[in-house]
């Protein structure tokens, strides 16, 4: 099989921020040539498909500054340094929905933009448990909505949902339910 691995020769940090770092790497390609690689370092996060007793999924509507528009997404959040994915998911689902999750199912991991970003998102499905109250971050401004799985599929097909993790998780949960 053809070797594809590229090796970092050097890293020059151009920006260090609260959420991301940006660096310019010189890399050694598998064919022996050198190339420049721009890399966004991100600590990673989680997404949670939380289903209530009526078969509806909690969704978060919020303005996403980078996209310049409102998005509809599954609840999600950034991992703290060294934090386990499941602990992040349990913390974030309470923060954003106010509900504890139960019956947690790990759906896998996705890399939203693997060409230049280190971010990985752990994806989970859970059912809603006890309501304990929301605890938004100080810069969060979200509206909580609920939709049936088939409604989410339709919104994806109509381009009303464009968030990558939400699209992937919707179809993963749908397939998970089909297999049960």
N, C-alpha and C. Protein backbone atom coordinates (compact mmCIF):
# COMPACT_ATOMS: atom_id res chain seq x y z
N UNK A 1 0.84 -1.18 0.00
CA UNK A 1 0.00 0.00 0.00
C UNK A 1 0.88 1.25 0.00
N UNK A 2 0.45 2.27 -0.70
CA UNK A 2 1.21 3.51 -0.83
C UNK A 2 1.28 4.25 0.51
N UNK A 3 2.47 4.69 0.86
CA UNK A 3 2.67 5.48 2.10
C UNK A 3 2.14 6.90 1.87
N UNK A 4 1.32 7.40 2.80
CA UNK A 4 0.72 8.73 2.68
C UNK A 4 1.08 9.67 3.83
N UNK A 5 1.72 9.16 4.86
CA UNK A 5 1.98 9.94 6.07
C UNK A 5 2.88 11.14 5.81
N UNK A 6 2.47 12.27 6.37
CA UNK A 6 3.28 13.49 6.33
C UNK A 6 3.80 13.74 7.73
N UNK A 7 5.04 14.21 7.84
CA UNK A 7 5.67 14.43 9.15
C UNK A 7 5.97 15.90 9.35
N UNK A 8 5.67 16.39 10.56
CA UNK A 8 5.95 17.78 10.90
C UNK A 8 7.45 18.00 11.04
N UNK A 9 7.95 19.03 10.35
CA UNK A 9 9.35 19.43 10.48
C UNK A 9 9.46 20.58 11.48
N UNK A 10 8.56 21.56 11.34
CA UNK A 10 8.58 22.71 12.24
C UNK A 10 7.17 23.26 12.37
N UNK A 11 6.95 24.02 13.44
CA UNK A 11 5.66 24.65 13.70
C UNK A 11 5.89 26.09 14.13
N UNK A 12 5.19 27.01 13.50
CA UNK A 12 5.29 28.43 13.82
C UNK A 12 3.89 28.93 14.20
N UNK A 13 3.69 29.18 15.50
CA UNK A 13 2.38 29.64 15.95
C UNK A 13 2.15 31.08 15.53
N UNK A 14 1.06 31.31 14.81
CA UNK A 14 0.69 32.64 14.33
C UNK A 14 -0.33 33.31 15.25
N UNK A 15 -1.09 32.48 15.99
CA UNK A 15 -2.13 33.01 16.87
C UNK A 15 -2.41 31.99 17.95
N UNK A 16 -2.55 32.47 19.19
CA UNK A 16 -2.98 31.64 20.31
C UNK A 16 -4.18 32.32 20.95
N UNK A 17 -5.30 31.63 20.94
CA UNK A 17 -6.54 32.23 21.43
C UNK A 17 -7.19 31.45 22.54
N UNK A 18 -8.38 31.89 22.90
CA UNK A 18 -9.15 31.28 23.98
C UNK A 18 -9.67 29.89 23.56
N UNK A 19 -10.04 29.74 22.29
CA UNK A 19 -10.61 28.48 21.81
C UNK A 19 -9.67 27.78 20.83
N UNK A 20 -9.03 28.54 19.97
CA UNK A 20 -8.17 27.93 18.94
C UNK A 20 -6.77 28.51 18.95
N UNK A 21 -5.85 27.75 18.40
CA UNK A 21 -4.50 28.22 18.06
C UNK A 21 -4.34 27.99 16.56
N UNK A 22 -3.56 28.84 15.92
CA UNK A 22 -3.30 28.69 14.48
C UNK A 22 -1.80 28.65 14.28
N UNK A 23 -1.37 27.64 13.52
CA UNK A 23 0.06 27.50 13.28
C UNK A 23 0.32 27.21 11.80
N UNK A 24 1.54 27.53 11.39
CA UNK A 24 2.02 27.22 10.05
C UNK A 24 3.13 26.20 10.21
N UNK A 25 2.89 25.00 9.67
CA UNK A 25 3.86 23.92 9.77
C UNK A 25 4.60 23.73 8.46
N UNK A 26 5.86 23.36 8.58
CA UNK A 26 6.56 22.82 7.43
C UNK A 26 6.49 21.31 7.60
N UNK A 27 6.08 20.62 6.53
CA UNK A 27 5.87 19.17 6.62
C UNK A 27 6.70 18.46 5.56
N UNK A 28 7.11 17.25 5.92
CA UNK A 28 7.80 16.37 4.99
C UNK A 28 6.77 15.39 4.43
N UNK A 29 6.58 15.43 3.12
CA UNK A 29 5.61 14.57 2.47
C UNK A 29 6.18 13.16 2.30
N UNK A 30 5.32 12.22 2.03
CA UNK A 30 5.73 10.83 1.87
C UNK A 30 6.70 10.64 0.71
N UNK A 31 6.61 11.53 -0.29
CA UNK A 31 7.50 11.42 -1.45
C UNK A 31 8.84 12.13 -1.25
N UNK A 32 9.07 12.66 -0.03
CA UNK A 32 10.33 13.33 0.29
C UNK A 32 10.33 14.83 0.07
N UNK A 33 9.30 15.36 -0.56
CA UNK A 33 9.22 16.81 -0.77
C UNK A 33 8.70 17.49 0.49
N UNK A 34 8.92 18.80 0.56
CA UNK A 34 8.42 19.60 1.69
C UNK A 34 7.23 20.43 1.24
N UNK A 35 6.35 20.72 2.19
CA UNK A 35 5.17 21.54 1.90
C UNK A 35 4.77 22.30 3.16
N UNK A 36 4.01 23.37 2.98
CA UNK A 36 3.49 24.15 4.10
C UNK A 36 2.09 23.68 4.41
N UNK A 37 1.76 23.58 5.69
CA UNK A 37 0.44 23.17 6.14
C UNK A 37 -0.04 24.15 7.20
N UNK A 38 -1.22 24.74 6.96
CA UNK A 38 -1.85 25.61 7.96
C UNK A 38 -2.74 24.74 8.83
N UNK A 39 -2.61 24.89 10.14
CA UNK A 39 -3.34 24.02 11.07
C UNK A 39 -4.05 24.87 12.13
N UNK A 40 -5.33 24.56 12.34
CA UNK A 40 -6.10 25.14 13.43
C UNK A 40 -6.16 24.09 14.53
N UNK A 41 -5.63 24.43 15.70
CA UNK A 41 -5.70 23.52 16.84
C UNK A 41 -6.96 23.84 17.65
N UNK A 42 -7.76 22.82 17.91
CA UNK A 42 -8.99 22.97 18.68
C UNK A 42 -9.06 21.82 19.68
N UNK A 43 -9.49 22.08 20.92
CA UNK A 43 -9.48 21.01 21.93
C UNK A 43 -10.50 19.90 21.69
N UNK A 44 -11.42 20.10 20.77
CA UNK A 44 -12.45 19.10 20.49
C UNK A 44 -13.70 19.36 21.29
N UNK A 45 -14.72 18.59 20.99
CA UNK A 45 -15.98 18.79 21.66
C UNK A 45 -16.88 17.57 21.55
N UNK A 46 -18.14 17.79 21.87
CA UNK A 46 -19.13 16.73 21.82
C UNK A 46 -20.42 17.28 21.24
N UNK A 47 -21.23 16.38 20.71
CA UNK A 47 -22.60 16.69 20.30
C UNK A 47 -23.50 15.65 20.91
N UNK A 48 -24.71 16.07 21.30
CA UNK A 48 -25.62 15.16 21.98
C UNK A 48 -27.00 15.20 21.34
N UNK A 49 -27.48 14.04 20.89
CA UNK A 49 -28.85 13.90 20.40
C UNK A 49 -29.67 13.42 21.60
N UNK A 50 -30.38 14.36 22.24
CA UNK A 50 -31.15 14.04 23.45
C UNK A 50 -32.63 13.93 23.08
N UNK A 51 -33.20 12.76 23.36
CA UNK A 51 -34.59 12.48 23.00
C UNK A 51 -35.47 12.50 24.24
N UNK A 52 -36.62 13.16 24.14
CA UNK A 52 -37.54 13.19 25.28
C UNK A 52 -38.50 11.99 25.22
N UNK A 53 -39.40 11.90 26.19
CA UNK A 53 -40.33 10.76 26.28
C UNK A 53 -41.33 10.71 25.13
N UNK A 54 -41.51 11.83 24.42
CA UNK A 54 -42.44 11.89 23.29
C UNK A 54 -41.76 11.63 21.96
N UNK A 55 -40.47 11.26 22.00
CA UNK A 55 -39.76 10.98 20.76
C UNK A 55 -39.27 12.22 20.03
N UNK A 56 -39.21 13.34 20.74
CA UNK A 56 -38.73 14.59 20.14
C UNK A 56 -37.31 14.85 20.63
N UNK A 57 -36.53 15.48 19.76
CA UNK A 57 -35.13 15.77 20.06
C UNK A 57 -34.93 17.24 20.39
N UNK A 58 -34.16 17.49 21.43
CA UNK A 58 -33.82 18.86 21.83
C UNK A 58 -32.85 19.44 20.82
N UNK A 59 -33.15 20.63 20.36
CA UNK A 59 -32.30 21.34 19.40
C UNK A 59 -32.02 22.74 19.93
N UNK A 60 -30.88 23.26 19.55
CA UNK A 60 -30.46 24.59 19.98
C UNK A 60 -30.43 25.50 18.77
N UNK A 61 -31.17 26.59 18.84
CA UNK A 61 -31.11 27.62 17.80
C UNK A 61 -30.27 28.77 18.36
N UNK A 62 -29.26 29.17 17.58
CA UNK A 62 -28.38 30.25 18.04
C UNK A 62 -27.75 30.94 16.84
N UNK A 63 -27.30 32.16 17.06
CA UNK A 63 -26.58 32.89 16.02
C UNK A 63 -25.12 32.43 16.04
N UNK A 64 -24.62 32.03 14.89
CA UNK A 64 -23.23 31.62 14.77
C UNK A 64 -22.48 32.71 14.03
N UNK A 65 -21.66 33.41 14.76
CA UNK A 65 -20.95 34.58 14.25
C UNK A 65 -20.13 34.26 13.01
N UNK A 66 -19.40 33.14 13.03
CA UNK A 66 -18.55 32.78 11.90
C UNK A 66 -19.33 32.55 10.62
N UNK A 67 -20.55 32.08 10.73
CA UNK A 67 -21.41 31.85 9.57
C UNK A 67 -22.27 33.07 9.24
N UNK A 68 -22.41 33.96 10.22
CA UNK A 68 -23.21 35.16 10.02
C UNK A 68 -24.70 34.88 9.94
N UNK A 69 -25.16 33.81 10.61
CA UNK A 69 -26.58 33.46 10.57
C UNK A 69 -26.95 32.58 11.76
N UNK A 70 -28.26 32.42 11.96
CA UNK A 70 -28.74 31.48 12.96
C UNK A 70 -28.59 30.06 12.45
N UNK A 71 -28.31 29.14 13.35
CA UNK A 71 -28.26 27.72 13.00
C UNK A 71 -29.13 26.94 13.97
N UNK A 72 -29.55 25.77 13.51
CA UNK A 72 -30.28 24.83 14.36
C UNK A 72 -29.39 23.61 14.49
N UNK A 73 -29.03 23.26 15.73
CA UNK A 73 -28.05 22.21 15.97
C UNK A 73 -28.46 21.36 17.17
N UNK A 74 -27.91 20.14 17.20
CA UNK A 74 -28.00 19.38 18.44
C UNK A 74 -27.17 20.10 19.50
N UNK A 75 -27.54 20.00 20.77
CA UNK A 75 -26.71 20.59 21.82
C UNK A 75 -25.28 20.06 21.72
N UNK A 76 -24.34 20.93 21.99
CA UNK A 76 -22.93 20.57 21.83
C UNK A 76 -22.07 21.47 22.70
N UNK A 77 -20.81 21.10 22.82
CA UNK A 77 -19.92 21.95 23.59
C UNK A 77 -18.48 21.53 23.47
N UNK A 78 -17.62 22.46 23.87
CA UNK A 78 -16.17 22.28 23.81
C UNK A 78 -15.68 21.54 25.05
N UNK A 79 -14.72 20.65 24.83
CA UNK A 79 -14.09 19.95 25.93
C UNK A 79 -13.16 20.88 26.69
N UNK A 80 -13.12 20.70 28.00
CA UNK A 80 -12.13 21.37 28.82
C UNK A 80 -10.84 20.55 28.73
N UNK A 81 -9.72 21.16 29.04
CA UNK A 81 -8.42 20.47 28.94
C UNK A 81 -8.44 19.16 29.71
N UNK A 82 -8.14 18.05 29.02
CA UNK A 82 -8.06 16.75 29.65
C UNK A 82 -9.38 16.10 30.00
N UNK A 83 -10.49 16.73 29.65
CA UNK A 83 -11.81 16.23 30.02
C UNK A 83 -12.23 15.07 29.12
N UNK A 84 -12.82 14.05 29.71
CA UNK A 84 -13.36 12.90 28.99
C UNK A 84 -14.58 13.33 28.19
N UNK A 85 -14.75 12.75 26.98
CA UNK A 85 -15.89 13.10 26.12
C UNK A 85 -17.24 12.94 26.82
N UNK A 86 -17.44 11.82 27.50
CA UNK A 86 -18.72 11.57 28.14
C UNK A 86 -18.99 12.57 29.26
N UNK A 87 -17.97 12.93 30.02
CA UNK A 87 -18.16 13.95 31.06
C UNK A 87 -18.53 15.29 30.43
N UNK A 88 -17.89 15.62 29.30
CA UNK A 88 -18.24 16.85 28.59
C UNK A 88 -19.69 16.80 28.15
N UNK A 89 -20.11 15.67 27.58
CA UNK A 89 -21.48 15.53 27.10
C UNK A 89 -22.49 15.69 28.24
N UNK A 90 -22.21 15.06 29.37
CA UNK A 90 -23.12 15.15 30.52
C UNK A 90 -23.21 16.58 31.05
N UNK A 91 -22.08 17.29 31.05
CA UNK A 91 -22.06 18.69 31.50
C UNK A 91 -22.82 19.58 30.52
N UNK A 92 -22.52 19.42 29.24
CA UNK A 92 -23.10 20.29 28.22
C UNK A 92 -24.61 20.10 28.06
N UNK A 93 -25.09 18.86 28.17
CA UNK A 93 -26.52 18.64 27.98
C UNK A 93 -27.33 19.33 29.08
N UNK A 94 -26.80 19.34 30.30
CA UNK A 94 -27.48 20.06 31.37
C UNK A 94 -27.40 21.56 31.13
N UNK A 95 -26.21 22.05 30.79
CA UNK A 95 -26.04 23.49 30.54
C UNK A 95 -27.04 24.01 29.51
N UNK A 96 -27.20 23.27 28.42
CA UNK A 96 -27.98 23.79 27.30
C UNK A 96 -29.46 23.42 27.33
N UNK A 97 -29.82 22.26 27.90
CA UNK A 97 -31.23 21.86 27.91
C UNK A 97 -31.84 21.89 29.30
N UNK A 98 -31.01 21.76 30.33
CA UNK A 98 -31.51 21.67 31.70
C UNK A 98 -31.83 20.25 32.13
N UNK A 99 -31.70 19.29 31.21
CA UNK A 99 -32.01 17.90 31.53
C UNK A 99 -30.75 17.06 31.67
N UNK A 100 -30.80 16.13 32.63
CA UNK A 100 -29.75 15.13 32.71
C UNK A 100 -30.01 14.10 31.62
N UNK A 101 -28.96 13.55 31.06
CA UNK A 101 -29.11 12.50 30.08
C UNK A 101 -29.07 11.13 30.75
N UNK A 102 -29.77 10.18 30.15
CA UNK A 102 -29.78 8.79 30.63
C UNK A 102 -29.56 7.87 29.44
N UNK A 103 -29.19 6.64 29.72
CA UNK A 103 -29.05 5.61 28.67
C UNK A 103 -28.12 6.07 27.54
N UNK A 104 -26.97 6.54 27.92
CA UNK A 104 -26.01 7.10 26.96
C UNK A 104 -25.51 6.05 25.97
N UNK A 105 -25.49 6.43 24.69
CA UNK A 105 -24.95 5.57 23.62
C UNK A 105 -23.91 6.39 22.86
N UNK A 106 -22.71 5.85 22.78
CA UNK A 106 -21.65 6.50 22.03
C UNK A 106 -21.84 6.19 20.55
N UNK A 107 -21.97 7.22 19.72
CA UNK A 107 -22.20 7.05 18.29
C UNK A 107 -20.90 7.03 17.49
N UNK A 108 -19.83 7.51 18.09
CA UNK A 108 -18.55 7.57 17.39
C UNK A 108 -17.98 8.98 17.41
N UNK A 109 -17.02 9.18 16.55
CA UNK A 109 -16.29 10.45 16.51
C UNK A 109 -16.28 10.96 15.08
N UNK A 110 -16.35 12.26 14.93
CA UNK A 110 -16.24 12.85 13.59
C UNK A 110 -15.18 13.94 13.61
N UNK A 111 -14.57 14.15 12.46
CA UNK A 111 -13.62 15.25 12.25
C UNK A 111 -14.29 16.19 11.26
N UNK A 112 -14.81 17.34 11.73
CA UNK A 112 -15.60 18.22 10.85
C UNK A 112 -14.83 18.80 9.67
N UNK A 113 -13.57 19.15 9.86
CA UNK A 113 -12.76 19.71 8.76
C UNK A 113 -11.34 19.17 8.88
N UNK A 114 -11.11 17.91 8.51
CA UNK A 114 -9.83 17.27 8.76
C UNK A 114 -8.66 17.79 7.95
N UNK A 115 -8.90 18.55 6.91
CA UNK A 115 -7.81 19.05 6.07
C UNK A 115 -6.89 20.01 6.82
N UNK A 116 -7.46 20.78 7.76
CA UNK A 116 -6.66 21.80 8.42
C UNK A 116 -6.97 21.99 9.90
N UNK A 117 -7.90 21.21 10.45
CA UNK A 117 -8.35 21.44 11.82
C UNK A 117 -8.18 20.15 12.63
N UNK A 118 -7.65 20.27 13.86
CA UNK A 118 -7.45 19.10 14.72
C UNK A 118 -8.72 18.70 15.48
N UNK A 119 -9.78 19.49 15.38
CA UNK A 119 -11.00 19.23 16.14
C UNK A 119 -11.59 17.86 15.82
N UNK A 120 -12.00 17.18 16.90
CA UNK A 120 -12.75 15.92 16.81
C UNK A 120 -13.96 16.08 17.71
N UNK A 121 -15.08 15.57 17.24
CA UNK A 121 -16.33 15.69 18.00
C UNK A 121 -16.82 14.30 18.37
N UNK A 122 -16.94 14.04 19.67
CA UNK A 122 -17.54 12.81 20.16
C UNK A 122 -19.05 12.95 20.08
N UNK A 123 -19.70 11.97 19.48
CA UNK A 123 -21.15 12.06 19.26
C UNK A 123 -21.89 11.06 20.15
N UNK A 124 -22.96 11.53 20.78
CA UNK A 124 -23.73 10.72 21.73
C UNK A 124 -25.23 10.83 21.49
N UNK A 125 -25.92 9.75 21.83
CA UNK A 125 -27.37 9.72 21.88
C UNK A 125 -27.74 9.41 23.32
N UNK A 126 -28.76 10.09 23.84
CA UNK A 126 -29.22 9.83 25.21
C UNK A 126 -30.71 10.14 25.29
N UNK A 127 -31.33 9.65 26.35
CA UNK A 127 -32.72 10.00 26.61
C UNK A 127 -32.76 10.99 27.78
N UNK A 128 -33.78 11.83 27.76
CA UNK A 128 -33.90 12.88 28.78
C UNK A 128 -34.30 12.27 30.11
N UNK A 129 -33.58 12.69 31.13
CA UNK A 129 -33.89 12.27 32.49
C UNK A 129 -34.49 13.42 33.27
N UNK A 130 -34.02 13.60 34.47
CA UNK A 130 -34.52 14.61 35.41
C UNK A 130 -34.16 16.03 34.94
N UNK A 131 -35.13 16.96 35.09
CA UNK A 131 -34.86 18.37 34.79
C UNK A 131 -34.18 18.99 36.01
N UNK A 132 -33.01 19.59 35.79
CA UNK A 132 -32.25 20.21 36.89
C UNK A 132 -31.96 21.69 36.64
N UNK A 133 -32.36 22.21 35.47
CA UNK A 133 -32.19 23.63 35.17
C UNK A 133 -31.01 23.91 34.25
N UNK A 134 -31.20 24.86 33.35
CA UNK A 134 -30.16 25.25 32.41
C UNK A 134 -29.12 26.14 33.08
N UNK A 135 -27.89 26.09 32.55
CA UNK A 135 -26.80 26.92 33.05
C UNK A 135 -25.96 27.38 31.86
N UNK A 136 -26.44 28.41 31.16
CA UNK A 136 -25.73 28.88 29.97
C UNK A 136 -24.39 29.51 30.33
N UNK A 137 -23.42 29.40 29.40
CA UNK A 137 -22.20 30.18 29.52
C UNK A 137 -22.58 31.64 29.36
N UNK A 138 -21.77 32.55 29.90
CA UNK A 138 -22.13 33.97 29.88
C UNK A 138 -22.28 34.55 28.48
N UNK A 139 -21.62 33.97 27.48
CA UNK A 139 -21.73 34.49 26.12
C UNK A 139 -22.68 33.66 25.25
N UNK A 140 -23.46 32.75 25.86
CA UNK A 140 -24.42 31.93 25.11
C UNK A 140 -25.79 32.59 25.10
N UNK A 141 -26.38 32.62 23.92
CA UNK A 141 -27.73 33.13 23.75
C UNK A 141 -28.44 32.13 22.84
N UNK A 142 -29.16 31.18 23.45
CA UNK A 142 -29.76 30.11 22.67
C UNK A 142 -31.25 29.99 22.95
N UNK A 143 -31.96 29.42 21.97
CA UNK A 143 -33.38 29.10 22.10
C UNK A 143 -33.49 27.59 21.94
N UNK A 144 -34.16 26.96 22.87
CA UNK A 144 -34.33 25.52 22.86
C UNK A 144 -35.61 25.17 22.10
N UNK A 145 -35.51 24.23 21.16
CA UNK A 145 -36.65 23.77 20.38
C UNK A 145 -36.63 22.24 20.36
N UNK A 146 -37.76 21.62 19.98
CA UNK A 146 -37.81 20.16 19.90
C UNK A 146 -38.46 19.74 18.58
N UNK A 147 -37.89 18.66 18.00
CA UNK A 147 -38.39 18.15 16.74
C UNK A 147 -38.32 16.63 16.72
N UNK A 148 -39.24 16.02 15.98
CA UNK A 148 -39.19 14.58 15.74
C UNK A 148 -38.05 14.28 14.77
N UNK A 149 -37.54 13.07 14.80
CA UNK A 149 -36.42 12.67 13.95
C UNK A 149 -36.74 12.88 12.46
N UNK A 150 -37.93 12.51 12.04
CA UNK A 150 -38.30 12.70 10.63
C UNK A 150 -38.34 14.17 10.24
N UNK A 151 -38.74 15.03 11.18
CA UNK A 151 -38.71 16.47 10.91
C UNK A 151 -37.28 16.96 10.71
N UNK A 152 -36.35 16.44 11.50
CA UNK A 152 -34.94 16.82 11.35
C UNK A 152 -34.41 16.39 9.99
N UNK A 153 -34.76 15.18 9.57
CA UNK A 153 -34.33 14.71 8.25
C UNK A 153 -34.85 15.65 7.17
N UNK A 154 -36.11 16.03 7.24
CA UNK A 154 -36.69 16.94 6.24
C UNK A 154 -35.98 18.29 6.25
N UNK A 155 -35.68 18.81 7.44
CA UNK A 155 -34.99 20.11 7.52
C UNK A 155 -33.57 20.01 6.94
N UNK A 156 -32.93 18.86 7.11
CA UNK A 156 -31.61 18.66 6.51
C UNK A 156 -31.75 18.64 4.99
N UNK A 157 -32.70 17.89 4.47
CA UNK A 157 -32.89 17.79 3.03
C UNK A 157 -33.31 19.12 2.41
N UNK A 158 -33.98 19.97 3.19
CA UNK A 158 -34.40 21.30 2.72
C UNK A 158 -33.34 22.37 2.99
N UNK A 159 -32.16 21.96 3.47
CA UNK A 159 -31.06 22.88 3.76
C UNK A 159 -31.38 23.88 4.87
N UNK A 160 -32.32 23.53 5.74
CA UNK A 160 -32.62 24.37 6.89
C UNK A 160 -31.69 24.03 8.05
N UNK A 161 -31.10 22.84 8.01
CA UNK A 161 -30.05 22.44 8.95
C UNK A 161 -28.81 22.17 8.12
N UNK A 162 -27.73 22.92 8.41
CA UNK A 162 -26.48 22.77 7.65
C UNK A 162 -25.29 22.40 8.53
N UNK A 163 -25.50 22.29 9.82
CA UNK A 163 -24.43 21.95 10.76
C UNK A 163 -24.00 20.51 10.56
N UNK A 164 -22.71 20.29 10.32
CA UNK A 164 -22.18 18.96 9.98
C UNK A 164 -22.45 17.92 11.05
N UNK A 165 -22.20 18.25 12.31
CA UNK A 165 -22.38 17.24 13.36
C UNK A 165 -23.85 16.86 13.47
N UNK A 166 -24.74 17.83 13.32
CA UNK A 166 -26.17 17.56 13.42
C UNK A 166 -26.64 16.69 12.26
N UNK A 167 -26.15 16.96 11.07
CA UNK A 167 -26.50 16.14 9.92
C UNK A 167 -26.03 14.70 10.15
N UNK A 168 -24.77 14.54 10.50
CA UNK A 168 -24.24 13.19 10.71
C UNK A 168 -24.96 12.46 11.83
N UNK A 169 -25.16 13.14 12.94
CA UNK A 169 -25.79 12.49 14.08
C UNK A 169 -27.25 12.13 13.80
N UNK A 170 -27.95 12.97 13.06
CA UNK A 170 -29.35 12.67 12.73
C UNK A 170 -29.46 11.34 11.99
N UNK A 171 -28.61 11.16 10.98
CA UNK A 171 -28.68 9.92 10.21
C UNK A 171 -28.13 8.73 10.99
N UNK A 172 -27.18 8.97 11.88
CA UNK A 172 -26.68 7.89 12.72
C UNK A 172 -27.76 7.42 13.70
N UNK A 173 -28.47 8.37 14.32
CA UNK A 173 -29.55 8.01 15.26
C UNK A 173 -30.68 7.30 14.51
N UNK A 174 -31.01 7.81 13.33
CA UNK A 174 -32.06 7.17 12.52
C UNK A 174 -31.68 5.71 12.22
N UNK A 175 -30.44 5.47 11.83
CA UNK A 175 -29.99 4.11 11.54
C UNK A 175 -29.94 3.26 12.81
N UNK A 176 -29.51 3.85 13.90
CA UNK A 176 -29.48 3.14 15.18
C UNK A 176 -30.89 2.64 15.53
N UNK A 177 -31.89 3.50 15.37
CA UNK A 177 -33.26 3.13 15.67
C UNK A 177 -33.77 2.08 14.68
N UNK A 178 -33.38 2.17 13.41
CA UNK A 178 -33.79 1.18 12.42
C UNK A 178 -33.24 -0.20 12.75
N UNK A 179 -32.06 -0.25 13.33
CA UNK A 179 -31.42 -1.54 13.64
C UNK A 179 -31.95 -2.19 14.91
N UNK A 180 -32.67 -1.41 15.72
CA UNK A 180 -33.17 -1.96 16.99
C UNK A 180 -34.44 -2.74 16.80
